Amino acid sequence: MTDQNGRIDKVASQLDSAISRSQAQNWIKSGAILVNQQQVKPNYQVQVGDRISVTPPEPEPLDAIPEDIPLDIVYEDDQVIVVNKPQGMVVHPAPGHAQGTLVNGLLYHSQLAAINDVIRPGIVHRIDKDTSGLLMVAKTDTAQASLSAQLKAKSSIREYLALVHGTFNEDHGRIDAPLARDPKNRKKQAVVVGGRHAVTNYEVIERFERFTLVKCILETGRTHQIRVHMAYIHHPIAGDPVYGPKKTLIGEGQFLHAAKLGFVHPTTGKLMIFEAPLPPIFEATLEKLRRGIDTTHNLR
């Protein structure tokens, strides 16, 4: 019996922090979430005293083949894995990328948690193909629930290093701008009124003549968040083929690296913090900029 009111999808996700709101909507539609033993619509308004029951559906098998792919495992125990993903590696299989993904490698490496109703390696957050850096992976349902809850509560630590176009007068700032699919291009994200709440904090680390190295600290984790937010304030990430200018630094995609990751361990309660060094091409580009060598070219 609940003491809350509001939309059933929102209430269900609040009652169980491992259930996202979008996941709750799917479960409501399939009848996995009932109110007073009755199936309802996702916009049903819960009243104090309603009885909400949740019966998670059986996970569906993921159609992905385990592959013996070398992985940069930064940390591993019986609950979690922290992996340093290289630039150019896709996280999940998708059309055009059925093999060679991080998921394929993790399936070969270990037995992991069922996530979002699918039997697959327990990746609770992801980074873009051409973004490098740290990801936390759940090996058990306990770890998946804990890590997902920390992401939802914004208590996990996620810091990125980004090399962006332009110079800053300020040393730090905060971008609070909602994100959604770009109404003019459904393959892109954009700042859209009424979009999902998104916040990125940034801090200047090093200034160059036409570029700046910044640290970006996520409060939320929306698709392409840092890339869209930095472009929104007119400092697109160097090398970004989607949100950046045609003339940019030579690289292997956007100069964006998930450098620091922290979370409370699901079973020990210990705060764990990990850092990953910049990829060689990122470090080499910074060294050239320090020497006044500008390697810009037309990307497309």
Protein backbone atom coordinates (compact mmCIF):
# COMPACT_ATOMS: atom_id res chain seq x y z
CA MET A 1 0.00 0.00 0.00
CA THR A 2 1.58 3.25 -1.12
CA ASP A 3 1.67 6.57 0.70
CA GLN A 4 2.54 8.43 -2.52
CA ASN A 5 0.53 9.96 -5.32
CA GLY A 6 1.28 10.97 -8.89
CA ARG A 7 1.75 9.19 -12.22
CA ILE A 8 2.17 5.43 -11.83
CA ASP A 9 5.36 5.32 -13.95
CA LYS A 10 6.99 7.96 -11.76
CA VAL A 11 5.80 6.39 -8.49
CA ALA A 12 6.97 2.91 -9.55
CA SER A 13 10.46 4.21 -10.38
CA GLN A 14 10.59 5.98 -7.00
CA LEU A 15 9.52 2.85 -5.12
CA ASP A 16 12.30 0.81 -6.74
CA SER A 17 15.39 2.82 -7.70
CA ALA A 18 16.55 0.03 -10.05
CA ILE A 19 13.53 0.66 -12.31
CA SER A 20 13.87 3.58 -14.70
CA ARG A 21 10.80 5.59 -15.61
CA SER A 22 10.90 4.40 -19.25
CA GLN A 23 11.28 0.81 -18.04
CA ALA A 24 8.30 1.29 -15.71
CA GLN A 25 6.22 2.50 -18.65
CA ASN A 26 7.01 -0.66 -20.62
CA TRP A 27 6.20 -2.86 -17.62
CA ILE A 28 2.89 -1.05 -17.06
CA LYS A 29 1.90 -1.61 -20.69
CA SER A 30 2.80 -5.32 -20.48
CA GLY A 31 0.93 -5.83 -17.19
CA ALA A 32 4.06 -6.43 -15.12
CA ILE A 33 3.05 -3.50 -12.88
CA LEU A 34 -0.52 -3.56 -11.53
CA VAL A 35 -2.49 -1.17 -9.34
CA ASN A 36 -5.04 -2.80 -7.04
CA GLN A 37 -4.67 -6.01 -9.08
CA GLN A 38 -5.71 -4.14 -12.25
CA GLN A 39 -3.74 -3.16 -15.35
CA VAL A 40 -3.57 0.62 -15.83
CA LYS A 41 -2.14 3.11 -18.30
CA PRO A 42 1.27 4.76 -17.71
CA ASN A 43 -0.45 8.09 -16.97
CA TYR A 44 -2.69 6.61 -14.24
CA GLN A 45 -2.70 8.88 -11.19
CA VAL A 46 -1.81 6.89 -8.09
CA GLN A 47 -3.78 7.69 -4.93
CA VAL A 48 -2.60 7.23 -1.35
CA GLY A 49 -3.65 3.73 -0.33
CA ASP A 50 -3.32 2.14 -3.78
CA ARG A 51 -1.66 -1.27 -3.83
CA ILE A 52 1.10 -1.47 -6.43
CA SER A 53 2.51 -4.88 -7.39
CA VAL A 54 5.56 -5.42 -9.57
CA THR A 55 6.38 -8.72 -11.29
CA PRO A 56 9.55 -8.22 -13.36
CA PRO A 57 9.37 -10.04 -16.71
CA GLU A 58 11.82 -12.82 -17.49
CA PRO A 59 14.94 -11.46 -19.21
CA GLU A 60 15.09 -11.99 -22.96
CA PRO A 61 18.28 -13.47 -24.42
CA LEU A 62 20.60 -11.01 -26.14
CA ASP A 63 21.50 -11.98 -29.69
CA ALA A 64 25.21 -11.29 -29.29
CA ILE A 65 28.13 -13.65 -29.75
CA PRO A 66 30.85 -13.81 -27.10
CA GLU A 67 34.17 -12.77 -28.64
CA ASP A 68 37.70 -13.04 -27.33
CA ILE A 69 38.40 -9.31 -27.56
CA PRO A 70 41.24 -7.80 -25.50
CA LEU A 71 39.75 -5.56 -22.82
CA ASP A 72 41.48 -3.01 -20.59
CA ILE A 73 40.09 -4.15 -17.23
CA VAL A 74 40.97 -1.52 -14.63
CA TYR A 75 39.29 -3.34 -11.72
CA GLU A 76 37.26 -6.50 -11.18
CA ASP A 77 35.78 -8.47 -8.28
CA ASP A 78 32.75 -10.72 -7.82
CA GLN A 79 30.32 -7.77 -8.13
CA VAL A 80 31.69 -5.20 -10.58
CA ILE A 81 34.05 -4.60 -13.46
CA VAL A 82 35.55 -1.25 -14.39
CA VAL A 83 36.75 -1.17 -17.99
CA ASN A 84 38.65 1.48 -19.94
CA LYS A 85 36.93 1.54 -23.36
CA PRO A 86 39.12 2.55 -26.30
CA GLN A 87 38.09 5.13 -28.85
CA GLY A 88 36.36 3.50 -31.81
CA MET A 89 34.72 0.64 -29.88
CA VAL A 90 30.91 0.45 -29.84
CA VAL A 91 29.41 -0.43 -26.46
CA HIS A 92 26.29 -2.37 -27.55
CA PRO A 93 25.63 -4.42 -30.70
CA ALA A 94 23.50 -2.52 -33.21
CA PRO A 95 22.78 -2.60 -36.93
CA GLY A 96 26.16 -2.31 -38.63
CA HIS A 97 27.99 -3.21 -35.40
CA ALA A 98 26.91 -6.75 -34.57
CA GLN A 99 30.41 -7.82 -33.58
CA GLY A 100 33.52 -6.35 -32.03
CA THR A 101 31.59 -4.41 -29.38
CA LEU A 102 32.35 -4.09 -25.69
CA VAL A 103 29.33 -6.30 -25.00
CA ASN A 104 30.75 -9.06 -27.20
CA GLY A 105 34.00 -8.93 -25.28
CA LEU A 106 32.30 -8.86 -21.87
CA LEU A 107 30.09 -11.84 -22.75
CA TYR A 108 33.26 -13.84 -23.42
CA HIS A 109 34.98 -12.50 -20.32
CA SER A 110 32.41 -13.14 -17.60
CA GLN A 111 28.87 -14.03 -16.54
CA LEU A 112 27.15 -10.73 -15.88
CA ALA A 113 23.85 -9.27 -14.73
CA ALA A 114 20.55 -9.07 -16.63
CA ILE A 115 19.90 -5.43 -17.46
CA ASN A 116 16.69 -3.79 -18.66
CA ASP A 117 14.94 -7.13 -19.15
CA VAL A 118 17.69 -8.40 -21.44
CA ILE A 119 20.37 -10.96 -20.62
CA ARG A 120 23.47 -8.96 -21.46
CA PRO A 121 26.58 -7.66 -19.73
CA GLY A 122 25.42 -5.30 -17.01
CA ILE A 123 26.39 -1.99 -18.50
CA VAL A 124 24.42 0.55 -16.48
CA HIS A 125 25.69 3.56 -18.43
CA ARG A 126 27.40 3.98 -21.77
CA ILE A 127 29.72 6.26 -23.71
CA ASP A 128 29.79 6.98 -27.44
CA LYS A 129 31.79 4.94 -29.92
CA ASP A 130 34.41 7.65 -30.43
CA THR A 131 34.60 8.62 -26.76
CA SER A 132 37.18 6.78 -24.69
CA GLY A 133 37.33 6.03 -20.99
CA LEU A 134 35.84 4.39 -17.95
CA LEU A 135 32.63 2.39 -17.66
CA MET A 136 31.27 0.52 -14.64
CA VAL A 137 29.73 -2.89 -15.32
CA ALA A 138 27.52 -4.96 -13.02
CA LYS A 139 28.24 -8.67 -12.61
CA THR A 140 25.23 -9.38 -10.39
CA ASP A 141 21.65 -8.16 -9.98
CA THR A 142 22.66 -6.68 -6.62
CA ALA A 143 25.41 -4.65 -8.28
CA GLN A 144 23.11 -3.59 -11.11
CA ALA A 145 20.49 -2.28 -8.69
CA SER A 146 23.08 -0.44 -6.59
CA LEU A 147 24.97 1.17 -9.48
CA SER A 148 21.73 2.16 -11.23
CA ALA A 149 20.43 3.72 -8.02
CA GLN A 150 23.64 5.74 -7.61
CA LEU A 151 23.37 7.04 -11.16
CA LYS A 152 19.76 7.98 -10.56
CA ALA A 153 20.62 9.72 -7.28
CA LYS A 154 23.51 11.56 -9.01
CA SER A 155 25.87 10.29 -6.33
CA SER A 156 28.33 8.52 -8.63
CA ILE A 157 31.40 10.42 -9.87
CA ARG A 158 31.78 10.91 -13.63
CA GLU A 159 34.39 13.35 -14.87
CA TYR A 160 35.46 13.82 -18.48
CA LEU A 161 38.31 15.66 -20.13
CA ALA A 162 37.36 17.47 -23.33
CA LEU A 163 39.39 19.50 -25.78
CA VAL A 164 37.04 22.16 -27.14
CA HIS A 165 37.09 24.93 -29.71
CA GLY A 166 37.53 28.51 -28.54
CA THR A 167 38.74 30.25 -25.40
CA PHE A 168 37.01 31.03 -22.10
CA ASN A 169 37.05 34.21 -20.07
CA GLU A 170 35.71 32.33 -17.04
CA ASP A 171 37.43 29.45 -15.22
CA HIS A 172 34.32 27.39 -14.60
CA GLY A 173 30.61 27.27 -15.35
CA ARG A 174 27.39 25.29 -15.25
CA ILE A 175 25.20 24.34 -18.22
CA ASP A 176 21.60 23.60 -17.23
CA ALA A 177 19.76 22.97 -20.50
CA PRO A 178 17.15 20.24 -21.24
CA LEU A 179 17.95 17.72 -23.97
CA ALA A 180 15.78 15.78 -26.43
CA ARG A 181 15.91 14.54 -30.00
CA ASP A 182 16.59 17.34 -32.44
CA PRO A 183 13.20 18.06 -34.11
CA LYS A 184 15.07 18.89 -37.34
CA ASN A 185 17.30 15.80 -37.32
CA ARG A 186 16.14 12.71 -35.41
CA LYS A 187 19.65 11.24 -35.40
CA LYS A 188 20.91 14.11 -33.24
CA GLN A 189 20.20 15.45 -29.77
CA ALA A 190 19.56 19.12 -29.08
CA VAL A 191 18.66 21.59 -26.36
CA VAL A 192 14.86 21.53 -26.50
CA VAL A 193 12.32 23.27 -24.26
CA GLY A 194 10.49 20.52 -22.39
CA GLY A 195 13.32 18.04 -22.92
CA ARG A 196 14.91 15.89 -20.21
CA HIS A 197 16.69 17.71 -17.40
CA ALA A 198 20.43 17.83 -18.11
CA VAL A 199 23.27 19.52 -16.24
CA THR A 200 26.98 19.66 -17.06
CA ASN A 201 29.53 21.50 -14.93
CA TYR A 202 32.85 22.47 -16.48
CA GLU A 203 36.23 23.74 -15.32
CA VAL A 204 39.06 25.12 -17.44
CA ILE A 205 42.21 23.01 -17.11
CA GLU A 206 44.51 24.46 -19.78
CA ARG A 207 44.23 27.25 -22.34
CA PHE A 208 45.69 27.29 -25.84
CA GLU A 209 45.52 29.88 -28.64
CA ARG A 210 42.30 28.56 -30.23
CA PHE A 211 41.37 25.60 -28.04
CA THR A 212 40.77 24.87 -24.36
CA LEU A 213 41.12 21.70 -22.29
CA VAL A 214 38.20 21.47 -19.87
CA LYS A 215 37.00 19.05 -17.23
CA CYS A 216 33.30 18.24 -17.50
CA ILE A 217 31.47 16.89 -14.46
CA LEU A 218 28.12 15.23 -15.11
CA GLU A 219 25.14 15.72 -12.84
CA THR A 220 22.95 13.83 -15.33
CA GLY A 221 23.82 11.38 -18.08
CA ARG A 222 21.79 12.09 -21.21
CA THR A 223 22.67 10.87 -24.69
CA HIS A 224 25.48 13.01 -26.17
CA GLN A 225 25.10 15.36 -23.19
CA ILE A 226 28.58 16.86 -23.04
CA ARG A 227 28.86 17.09 -26.82
CA VAL A 228 25.54 18.94 -27.15
CA HIS A 229 26.03 21.15 -24.11
CA MET A 230 29.49 22.33 -25.15
CA ALA A 231 28.27 23.07 -28.67
CA TYR A 232 25.31 24.92 -27.14
CA ILE A 233 27.66 27.38 -25.39
CA HIS A 234 29.65 27.74 -28.64
CA HIS A 235 32.57 25.56 -27.55
CA PRO A 236 32.04 22.33 -29.53
CA ILE A 237 34.38 19.44 -28.83
CA ALA A 238 37.33 19.22 -31.21
CA GLY A 239 36.97 16.37 -33.68
CA ASP A 240 33.24 15.95 -33.11
CA PRO A 241 31.85 14.87 -36.52
CA VAL A 242 28.21 15.58 -35.55
CA TYR A 243 28.09 18.67 -33.34
CA GLY A 244 31.40 20.33 -34.21
CA PRO A 245 32.66 22.47 -37.11
CA LYS A 246 34.09 21.03 -40.32
CA LYS A 247 37.51 22.51 -39.62
CA THR A 248 38.85 20.86 -36.49
CA LEU A 249 41.80 18.99 -35.01
CA ILE A 250 43.05 15.78 -36.64
CA GLY A 251 42.11 12.81 -34.46
CA GLU A 252 40.04 9.66 -34.24
CA GLY A 253 36.70 11.21 -33.39
CA GLN A 254 35.86 13.72 -30.68
CA PHE A 255 38.53 14.58 -28.12
CA LEU A 256 36.43 13.44 -25.18
CA HIS A 257 37.65 11.02 -22.50
CA ALA A 258 35.87 9.60 -19.44
CA ALA A 259 38.84 10.14 -17.16
CA LYS A 260 37.45 9.59 -13.66
CA LEU A 261 34.77 7.27 -12.30
CA GLY A 262 33.66 6.77 -8.71
CA PHE A 263 30.93 4.81 -6.95
CA VAL A 264 30.12 3.13 -3.66
CA HIS A 265 30.77 -0.61 -3.89
CA PRO A 266 27.46 -2.53 -3.95
CA THR A 267 28.32 -4.89 -1.09
CA THR A 268 31.24 -3.42 0.87
CA GLY A 269 29.93 0.16 0.97
CA LYS A 270 33.43 1.45 0.21
CA LEU A 271 33.85 4.48 -2.05
CA MET A 272 35.92 3.43 -5.06
CA ILE A 273 37.49 5.94 -7.43
CA PHE A 274 39.28 5.11 -10.68
CA GLU A 275 41.18 7.20 -13.21
CA ALA A 276 42.25 6.41 -16.77
CA PRO A 277 45.05 8.21 -18.64
CA LEU A 278 44.33 10.06 -21.86
CA PRO A 279 44.62 8.06 -25.10
CA PRO A 280 47.97 8.56 -26.87
CA ILE A 281 46.48 10.64 -29.72
CA PHE A 282 44.78 12.95 -27.19
CA GLU A 283 48.00 13.42 -25.22
CA ALA A 284 50.06 13.92 -28.39
CA THR A 285 47.61 16.61 -29.63
CA LEU A 286 47.89 18.47 -26.33
CA GLU A 287 51.68 18.41 -26.60
CA LYS A 288 51.49 19.87 -30.12
CA LEU A 289 49.18 22.64 -28.94
CA ARG A 290 51.58 23.43 -26.10
CA ARG A 291 54.32 23.86 -28.72
CA GLY A 292 52.06 26.07 -30.84
CA ILE A 293 51.45 23.42 -33.52
CA ASP A 294 47.85 23.59 -34.79
CA THR A 295 46.76 20.44 -36.68
CA THR A 296 43.31 21.61 -37.82
CA HIS A 297 41.92 20.26 -41.08
CA ASN A 298 38.55 19.90 -42.81
CA LEU A 299 36.82 16.92 -41.24
CA ARG A 300 34.14 16.49 -43.91
